[in-house]
Amino acid sequence: MGTEQKEHDLSLPPADKVLFRKQMQRELDEIREEVTETCAVATEVEPIPESAYVETLSLLEQIPRNIPMPDMMWLEDGGVGLEWRPKEGIATMSLYRDNHVTFGAVWGKSCEIWGSCPLSDPVLLPNFLKMLSEVLQK
């Protein structure tokens, strides 16, 4: 999995949306394979429930097109992690299996935000994504 961040455009024609979804599904399949292999030899790693992969794909499709694609990774406690690293900070989102997303960000020395909300939240999630977009555009 490369570390380069790619922009996606969900306002693209349907064929391009299909390609975007296939690319994201491929990355999630790689994570699924890594987790399966790791769980076979390490008892301290929690498997990721299938619903967490589905929720991650759903969240990726909600991310505005001006936000670069995150680095995606598996979390030892059974979740999928998304990470962005702007110049002076870090932003993360974690998904498990409960239709919630946990998010956090630190920018500079004085700006921190942490929270959790349903994937369908009409206020918190869109506002976090808007803030993330603004920070990544600087």
N, C-alpha and C. Protein backbone atom coordinates (compact mmCIF):
# COMPACT_ATOMS: atom_id res chain seq x y z
N MET A 1 0.85 -1.17 0.00
CA MET A 1 0.00 0.00 0.00
C MET A 1 0.90 1.23 0.00
N GLY A 2 0.77 2.08 -1.02
CA GLY A 2 1.61 3.26 -1.13
C GLY A 2 1.19 4.33 -0.16
N THR A 3 2.10 5.25 0.10
CA THR A 3 1.79 6.33 1.03
C THR A 3 1.38 7.60 0.30
N GLU A 4 1.42 7.60 -1.03
CA GLU A 4 1.01 8.79 -1.74
C GLU A 4 -0.49 8.98 -1.58
N GLN A 5 -0.90 10.24 -1.44
CA GLN A 5 -2.31 10.52 -1.27
C GLN A 5 -2.89 10.91 -2.62
N LYS A 6 -4.05 10.36 -2.93
CA LYS A 6 -4.69 10.59 -4.21
C LYS A 6 -5.99 11.34 -3.97
N GLU A 7 -6.33 12.21 -4.92
CA GLU A 7 -7.62 12.88 -4.83
C GLU A 7 -8.66 12.02 -5.52
N HIS A 8 -9.86 12.03 -5.00
CA HIS A 8 -10.94 11.32 -5.64
C HIS A 8 -12.05 12.31 -5.96
N ASP A 9 -12.86 11.98 -6.91
CA ASP A 9 -13.91 12.88 -7.35
C ASP A 9 -15.21 12.09 -7.49
N LEU A 10 -16.08 12.24 -6.51
CA LEU A 10 -17.33 11.49 -6.54
C LEU A 10 -18.37 12.16 -7.43
N SER A 11 -18.03 13.31 -8.03
CA SER A 11 -18.93 13.92 -8.99
C SER A 11 -18.59 13.46 -10.41
N LEU A 12 -17.70 12.51 -10.50
CA LEU A 12 -17.31 11.96 -11.79
C LEU A 12 -18.44 11.14 -12.38
N PRO A 13 -18.34 10.83 -13.66
CA PRO A 13 -19.35 9.96 -14.27
C PRO A 13 -19.40 8.62 -13.55
N PRO A 14 -20.51 7.90 -13.66
CA PRO A 14 -20.68 6.62 -12.96
C PRO A 14 -19.54 5.64 -13.17
N ALA A 15 -18.97 5.57 -14.37
CA ALA A 15 -17.87 4.62 -14.62
C ALA A 15 -16.67 4.95 -13.74
N ASP A 16 -16.38 6.25 -13.55
CA ASP A 16 -15.25 6.63 -12.71
C ASP A 16 -15.55 6.36 -11.24
N LYS A 17 -16.80 6.51 -10.83
CA LYS A 17 -17.18 6.18 -9.45
C LYS A 17 -16.96 4.70 -9.20
N VAL A 18 -17.27 3.89 -10.20
CA VAL A 18 -17.06 2.45 -10.08
C VAL A 18 -15.57 2.16 -9.92
N LEU A 19 -14.74 2.83 -10.69
CA LEU A 19 -13.28 2.64 -10.57
C LEU A 19 -12.79 3.06 -9.19
N PHE A 20 -13.29 4.19 -8.68
CA PHE A 20 -12.91 4.65 -7.35
C PHE A 20 -13.28 3.61 -6.31
N ARG A 21 -14.52 3.12 -6.39
CA ARG A 21 -14.98 2.12 -5.42
C ARG A 21 -14.14 0.85 -5.51
N LYS A 22 -13.79 0.43 -6.72
CA LYS A 22 -12.95 -0.76 -6.88
C LYS A 22 -11.57 -0.55 -6.28
N GLN A 23 -11.00 0.64 -6.46
CA GLN A 23 -9.68 0.93 -5.89
C GLN A 23 -9.74 0.86 -4.37
N MET A 24 -10.76 1.47 -3.78
CA MET A 24 -10.90 1.45 -2.32
C MET A 24 -11.15 0.02 -1.83
N GLN A 25 -11.96 -0.73 -2.56
CA GLN A 25 -12.23 -2.11 -2.19
C GLN A 25 -10.95 -2.93 -2.24
N ARG A 26 -10.11 -2.67 -3.24
CA ARG A 26 -8.83 -3.38 -3.36
C ARG A 26 -7.94 -3.11 -2.14
N GLU A 27 -7.88 -1.83 -1.72
CA GLU A 27 -7.07 -1.49 -0.55
C GLU A 27 -7.64 -2.15 0.71
N LEU A 28 -8.95 -2.17 0.84
CA LEU A 28 -9.56 -2.84 2.00
C LEU A 28 -9.33 -4.35 1.95
N ASP A 29 -9.33 -4.93 0.76
CA ASP A 29 -9.04 -6.37 0.63
C ASP A 29 -7.61 -6.67 1.06
N GLU A 30 -6.67 -5.77 0.75
CA GLU A 30 -5.28 -5.96 1.19
C GLU A 30 -5.20 -5.92 2.72
N ILE A 31 -5.93 -4.99 3.32
CA ILE A 31 -5.96 -4.90 4.78
C ILE A 31 -6.57 -6.17 5.35
N ARG A 32 -7.67 -6.63 4.78
CA ARG A 32 -8.34 -7.86 5.24
C ARG A 32 -7.36 -9.03 5.22
N GLU A 33 -6.59 -9.15 4.14
CA GLU A 33 -5.61 -10.24 4.02
C GLU A 33 -4.51 -10.13 5.07
N GLU A 34 -3.99 -8.92 5.28
CA GLU A 34 -2.96 -8.72 6.31
C GLU A 34 -3.48 -9.09 7.69
N VAL A 35 -4.70 -8.66 8.00
CA VAL A 35 -5.28 -8.95 9.32
C VAL A 35 -5.48 -10.45 9.50
N THR A 36 -5.98 -11.12 8.48
CA THR A 36 -6.20 -12.56 8.55
C THR A 36 -4.88 -13.28 8.82
N GLU A 37 -3.84 -12.90 8.09
CA GLU A 37 -2.52 -13.52 8.29
C GLU A 37 -1.98 -13.23 9.68
N THR A 38 -2.15 -12.01 10.15
CA THR A 38 -1.63 -11.63 11.47
C THR A 38 -2.40 -12.34 12.58
N CYS A 39 -3.72 -12.40 12.45
CA CYS A 39 -4.54 -13.06 13.48
C CYS A 39 -4.22 -14.55 13.58
N ALA A 40 -3.74 -15.14 12.50
CA ALA A 40 -3.39 -16.56 12.52
C ALA A 40 -2.17 -16.84 13.39
N VAL A 41 -1.33 -15.82 13.62
CA VAL A 41 -0.11 -16.04 14.40
C VAL A 41 -0.02 -15.17 15.66
N ALA A 42 -0.91 -14.20 15.81
CA ALA A 42 -0.83 -13.29 16.96
C ALA A 42 -2.19 -13.22 17.65
N THR A 43 -2.24 -13.71 18.87
CA THR A 43 -3.51 -13.75 19.59
C THR A 43 -3.93 -12.40 20.16
N GLU A 44 -3.01 -11.44 20.26
CA GLU A 44 -3.36 -10.14 20.83
C GLU A 44 -4.01 -9.20 19.81
N VAL A 45 -4.11 -9.62 18.57
CA VAL A 45 -4.72 -8.80 17.52
C VAL A 45 -6.18 -9.23 17.32
N GLU A 46 -7.07 -8.25 17.37
CA GLU A 46 -8.50 -8.52 17.16
C GLU A 46 -8.79 -8.57 15.66
N PRO A 47 -9.58 -9.53 15.21
CA PRO A 47 -9.99 -9.51 13.80
C PRO A 47 -10.93 -8.33 13.54
N ILE A 48 -10.95 -7.87 12.32
CA ILE A 48 -11.84 -6.77 11.94
C ILE A 48 -13.14 -7.36 11.43
N PRO A 49 -14.27 -6.97 12.02
CA PRO A 49 -15.55 -7.48 11.54
C PRO A 49 -15.85 -6.97 10.12
N GLU A 50 -16.54 -7.77 9.35
CA GLU A 50 -16.86 -7.39 7.97
C GLU A 50 -17.59 -6.06 7.91
N SER A 51 -18.45 -5.80 8.89
CA SER A 51 -19.20 -4.54 8.88
C SER A 51 -18.29 -3.32 8.96
N ALA A 52 -17.12 -3.45 9.59
CA ALA A 52 -16.19 -2.32 9.66
C ALA A 52 -15.64 -1.99 8.28
N TYR A 53 -15.41 -3.00 7.45
CA TYR A 53 -14.95 -2.75 6.08
C TYR A 53 -16.05 -2.03 5.28
N VAL A 54 -17.28 -2.48 5.44
CA VAL A 54 -18.41 -1.87 4.73
C VAL A 54 -18.57 -0.41 5.17
N GLU A 55 -18.48 -0.16 6.47
CA GLU A 55 -18.61 1.19 6.99
C GLU A 55 -17.48 2.08 6.50
N THR A 56 -16.28 1.53 6.40
CA THR A 56 -15.14 2.31 5.91
C THR A 56 -15.37 2.73 4.46
N LEU A 57 -15.82 1.82 3.65
CA LEU A 57 -16.10 2.14 2.25
C LEU A 57 -17.19 3.21 2.16
N SER A 58 -18.20 3.10 3.00
CA SER A 58 -19.27 4.09 3.04
C SER A 58 -18.72 5.47 3.41
N LEU A 59 -17.86 5.52 4.42
CA LEU A 59 -17.27 6.79 4.83
C LEU A 59 -16.39 7.37 3.73
N LEU A 60 -15.58 6.55 3.10
CA LEU A 60 -14.71 7.03 2.02
C LEU A 60 -15.53 7.67 0.90
N GLU A 61 -16.71 7.14 0.66
CA GLU A 61 -17.56 7.71 -0.38
C GLU A 61 -18.18 9.04 0.04
N GLN A 62 -18.18 9.34 1.35
CA GLN A 62 -18.71 10.62 1.85
C GLN A 62 -17.67 11.72 1.87
N ILE A 63 -16.41 11.35 1.80
CA ILE A 63 -15.34 12.35 1.91
C ILE A 63 -15.35 13.26 0.69
N PRO A 64 -15.37 14.57 0.91
CA PRO A 64 -15.37 15.51 -0.22
C PRO A 64 -14.17 15.31 -1.14
N ARG A 65 -14.38 15.61 -2.41
CA ARG A 65 -13.35 15.34 -3.41
C ARG A 65 -12.09 16.16 -3.23
N ASN A 66 -12.14 17.28 -2.50
CA ASN A 66 -10.93 18.08 -2.33
C ASN A 66 -10.06 17.60 -1.16
N ILE A 67 -10.48 16.54 -0.49
CA ILE A 67 -9.66 15.94 0.57
C ILE A 67 -8.90 14.77 -0.05
N PRO A 68 -7.57 14.77 0.07
CA PRO A 68 -6.80 13.65 -0.49
C PRO A 68 -7.17 12.34 0.20
N MET A 69 -6.97 11.26 -0.52
CA MET A 69 -7.24 9.95 0.07
C MET A 69 -6.32 9.74 1.27
N PRO A 70 -6.85 9.16 2.32
CA PRO A 70 -6.04 8.91 3.52
C PRO A 70 -5.16 7.68 3.34
N ASP A 71 -4.19 7.56 4.21
CA ASP A 71 -3.50 6.29 4.36
C ASP A 71 -4.48 5.41 5.13
N MET A 72 -4.66 4.18 4.68
CA MET A 72 -5.57 3.25 5.36
C MET A 72 -4.75 2.17 6.03
N MET A 73 -5.17 1.78 7.22
CA MET A 73 -4.44 0.76 7.97
C MET A 73 -5.40 -0.01 8.87
N TRP A 74 -4.95 -1.17 9.33
CA TRP A 74 -5.75 -1.92 10.29
C TRP A 74 -5.26 -1.59 11.68
N LEU A 75 -6.18 -1.67 12.62
CA LEU A 75 -5.89 -1.37 14.02
C LEU A 75 -5.94 -2.65 14.83
N GLU A 76 -5.01 -2.81 15.73
CA GLU A 76 -4.90 -4.06 16.51
C GLU A 76 -6.13 -4.37 17.33
N ASP A 77 -6.94 -3.34 17.62
CA ASP A 77 -8.14 -3.58 18.43
C ASP A 77 -9.38 -3.84 17.58
N GLY A 78 -9.18 -4.19 16.29
CA GLY A 78 -10.28 -4.64 15.46
C GLY A 78 -10.97 -3.58 14.62
N GLY A 79 -10.26 -2.53 14.28
CA GLY A 79 -10.86 -1.48 13.46
C GLY A 79 -10.04 -1.16 12.23
N VAL A 80 -10.60 -0.30 11.41
CA VAL A 80 -9.90 0.22 10.24
C VAL A 80 -9.59 1.68 10.53
N GLY A 81 -8.34 2.08 10.30
CA GLY A 81 -7.93 3.45 10.55
C GLY A 81 -7.65 4.20 9.26
N LEU A 82 -8.02 5.47 9.26
CA LEU A 82 -7.73 6.39 8.16
C LEU A 82 -6.87 7.51 8.74
N GLU A 83 -5.85 7.93 7.99
CA GLU A 83 -4.93 8.92 8.55
C GLU A 83 -4.50 9.91 7.47
N TRP A 84 -4.49 11.18 7.85
CA TRP A 84 -3.95 12.25 7.02
C TRP A 84 -2.88 12.95 7.84
N ARG A 85 -1.84 13.40 7.19
CA ARG A 85 -0.77 14.13 7.88
C ARG A 85 -0.53 15.47 7.18
N PRO A 86 -1.30 16.49 7.58
CA PRO A 86 -1.02 17.81 7.05
C PRO A 86 0.33 18.29 7.58
N LYS A 87 0.79 19.43 7.09
CA LYS A 87 2.13 19.91 7.43
C LYS A 87 2.41 19.95 8.93
N GLU A 88 1.47 20.44 9.69
CA GLU A 88 1.71 20.57 11.13
C GLU A 88 0.67 19.82 11.95
N GLY A 89 0.55 18.53 11.74
CA GLY A 89 -0.41 17.81 12.55
C GLY A 89 -0.75 16.45 12.00
N ILE A 90 -1.85 15.94 12.53
CA ILE A 90 -2.35 14.63 12.12
C ILE A 90 -3.86 14.61 12.31
N ALA A 91 -4.54 13.91 11.43
CA ALA A 91 -5.98 13.70 11.57
C ALA A 91 -6.25 12.22 11.35
N THR A 92 -7.10 11.65 12.19
CA THR A 92 -7.40 10.23 12.08
C THR A 92 -8.90 9.99 12.19
N MET A 93 -9.32 8.89 11.59
CA MET A 93 -10.69 8.41 11.74
C MET A 93 -10.59 6.90 11.91
N SER A 94 -11.38 6.35 12.80
CA SER A 94 -11.38 4.90 13.06
C SER A 94 -12.80 4.38 12.97
N LEU A 95 -12.92 3.20 12.36
CA LEU A 95 -14.22 2.56 12.21
C LEU A 95 -14.12 1.13 12.70
N TYR A 96 -15.14 0.70 13.43
CA TYR A 96 -15.14 -0.66 13.98
C TYR A 96 -16.31 -1.43 13.39
N ARG A 97 -17.44 -1.49 14.04
CA ARG A 97 -18.58 -2.22 13.49
C ARG A 97 -19.91 -1.68 13.98
N ASP A 98 -19.90 -0.55 14.57
CA ASP A 98 -21.10 -0.06 15.24
C ASP A 98 -21.75 1.14 14.55
N ASN A 99 -21.44 1.35 13.27
CA ASN A 99 -21.95 2.49 12.51
C ASN A 99 -21.57 3.83 13.13
N HIS A 100 -20.45 3.84 13.84
CA HIS A 100 -19.90 5.07 14.40
C HIS A 100 -18.50 5.28 13.85
N VAL A 101 -18.11 6.53 13.82
CA VAL A 101 -16.74 6.87 13.43
C VAL A 101 -16.14 7.67 14.59
N THR A 102 -14.93 7.33 14.96
CA THR A 102 -14.19 8.07 15.96
C THR A 102 -13.17 8.90 15.21
N PHE A 103 -13.09 10.18 15.54
CA PHE A 103 -12.18 11.05 14.80
C PHE A 103 -11.36 11.88 15.76
N GLY A 104 -10.22 12.31 15.30
CA GLY A 104 -9.36 13.16 16.08
C GLY A 104 -8.41 13.90 15.18
N ALA A 105 -8.00 15.07 15.65
CA ALA A 105 -7.05 15.86 14.87
C ALA A 105 -6.28 16.78 15.79
N VAL A 106 -5.03 16.99 15.44
CA VAL A 106 -4.17 17.95 16.13
C VAL A 106 -3.48 18.76 15.04
N TRP A 107 -3.63 20.10 15.13
CA TRP A 107 -2.96 20.99 14.19
C TRP A 107 -2.18 22.02 14.98
N GLY A 108 -0.93 22.16 14.67
CA GLY A 108 -0.12 23.13 15.38
C GLY A 108 -0.03 22.79 16.85
N LYS A 109 0.14 23.82 17.67
CA LYS A 109 0.31 23.59 19.10
C LYS A 109 -0.97 23.80 19.90
N SER A 110 -1.97 24.41 19.29
CA SER A 110 -3.12 24.79 20.10
C SER A 110 -4.48 24.29 19.60
N CYS A 111 -4.51 23.53 18.54
CA CYS A 111 -5.80 23.10 18.00
C CYS A 111 -5.93 21.58 18.07
N GLU A 112 -6.87 21.12 18.87
CA GLU A 112 -7.16 19.69 18.99
C GLU A 112 -8.66 19.49 18.95
N ILE A 113 -9.07 18.41 18.31
CA ILE A 113 -10.48 18.04 18.31
C ILE A 113 -10.57 16.52 18.34
N TRP A 114 -11.49 16.01 19.15
CA TRP A 114 -11.70 14.56 19.26
C TRP A 114 -13.18 14.33 19.38
N GLY A 115 -13.65 13.24 18.84
CA GLY A 115 -15.06 12.95 18.99
C GLY A 115 -15.44 11.62 18.37
N SER A 116 -16.71 11.30 18.51
CA SER A 116 -17.28 10.09 17.94
C SER A 116 -18.72 10.41 17.58
N CYS A 117 -19.15 9.89 16.45
CA CYS A 117 -20.53 10.15 16.04
C CYS A 117 -20.98 9.04 15.10
N PRO A 118 -22.29 8.92 14.90
CA PRO A 118 -22.79 7.95 13.92
C PRO A 118 -22.33 8.35 12.51
N LEU A 119 -22.17 7.38 11.65
CA LEU A 119 -21.80 7.67 10.26
C LEU A 119 -22.85 8.54 9.58
N SER A 120 -24.06 8.50 10.05
CA SER A 120 -25.14 9.27 9.45
C SER A 120 -25.33 10.64 10.11
N ASP A 121 -24.45 11.02 11.03
CA ASP A 121 -24.60 12.29 11.75
C ASP A 121 -24.62 13.46 10.77
N PRO A 122 -25.65 14.31 10.84
CA PRO A 122 -25.73 15.41 9.89
C PRO A 122 -24.91 16.64 10.27
N VAL A 123 -24.32 16.65 11.48
CA VAL A 123 -23.60 17.84 11.93
C VAL A 123 -22.12 17.55 12.19
N LEU A 124 -21.81 16.66 13.12
CA LEU A 124 -20.42 16.46 13.52
C LEU A 124 -19.52 15.97 12.39
N LEU A 125 -19.93 14.91 11.72
CA LEU A 125 -19.08 14.34 10.67
C LEU A 125 -18.86 15.32 9.52
N PRO A 126 -19.90 15.95 8.97
CA PRO A 126 -19.65 16.92 7.90
C PRO A 126 -18.77 18.09 8.35
N ASN A 127 -18.94 18.55 9.60
CA ASN A 127 -18.11 19.65 10.09
C ASN A 127 -16.66 19.23 10.26
N PHE A 128 -16.43 18.01 10.74
CA PHE A 128 -15.05 17.52 10.86
C PHE A 128 -14.42 17.43 9.47
N LEU A 129 -15.16 16.91 8.50
CA LEU A 129 -14.63 16.79 7.14
C LEU A 129 -14.38 18.16 6.52
N LYS A 130 -15.24 19.13 6.81
CA LYS A 130 -15.02 20.49 6.30
C LYS A 130 -13.75 21.08 6.90
N MET A 131 -13.58 20.91 8.20
CA MET A 131 -12.38 21.41 8.86
C MET A 131 -11.14 20.72 8.30
N LEU A 132 -11.21 19.42 8.11
CA LEU A 132 -10.09 18.67 7.55
C LEU A 132 -9.75 19.19 6.15
N SER A 133 -10.76 19.45 5.36
CA SER A 133 -10.56 19.99 4.02
C SER A 133 -9.83 21.32 4.07
N GLU A 134 -10.26 22.19 4.96
CA GLU A 134 -9.63 23.52 5.07
C GLU A 134 -8.18 23.41 5.51
N VAL A 135 -7.90 22.55 6.46
CA VAL A 135 -6.53 22.40 6.95
C VAL A 135 -5.63 21.81 5.86
N LEU A 136 -6.13 20.85 5.12
CA LEU A 136 -5.32 20.21 4.09
C LEU A 136 -5.10 21.11 2.88
N GLN A 137 -5.91 22.15 2.71
CA GLN A 137 -5.75 23.08 1.60
C GLN A 137 -4.69 24.13 1.89
N LYS A 138 -4.27 24.27 3.14
CA LYS A 138 -3.27 25.29 3.51
C LYS A 138 -1.90 24.89 3.07
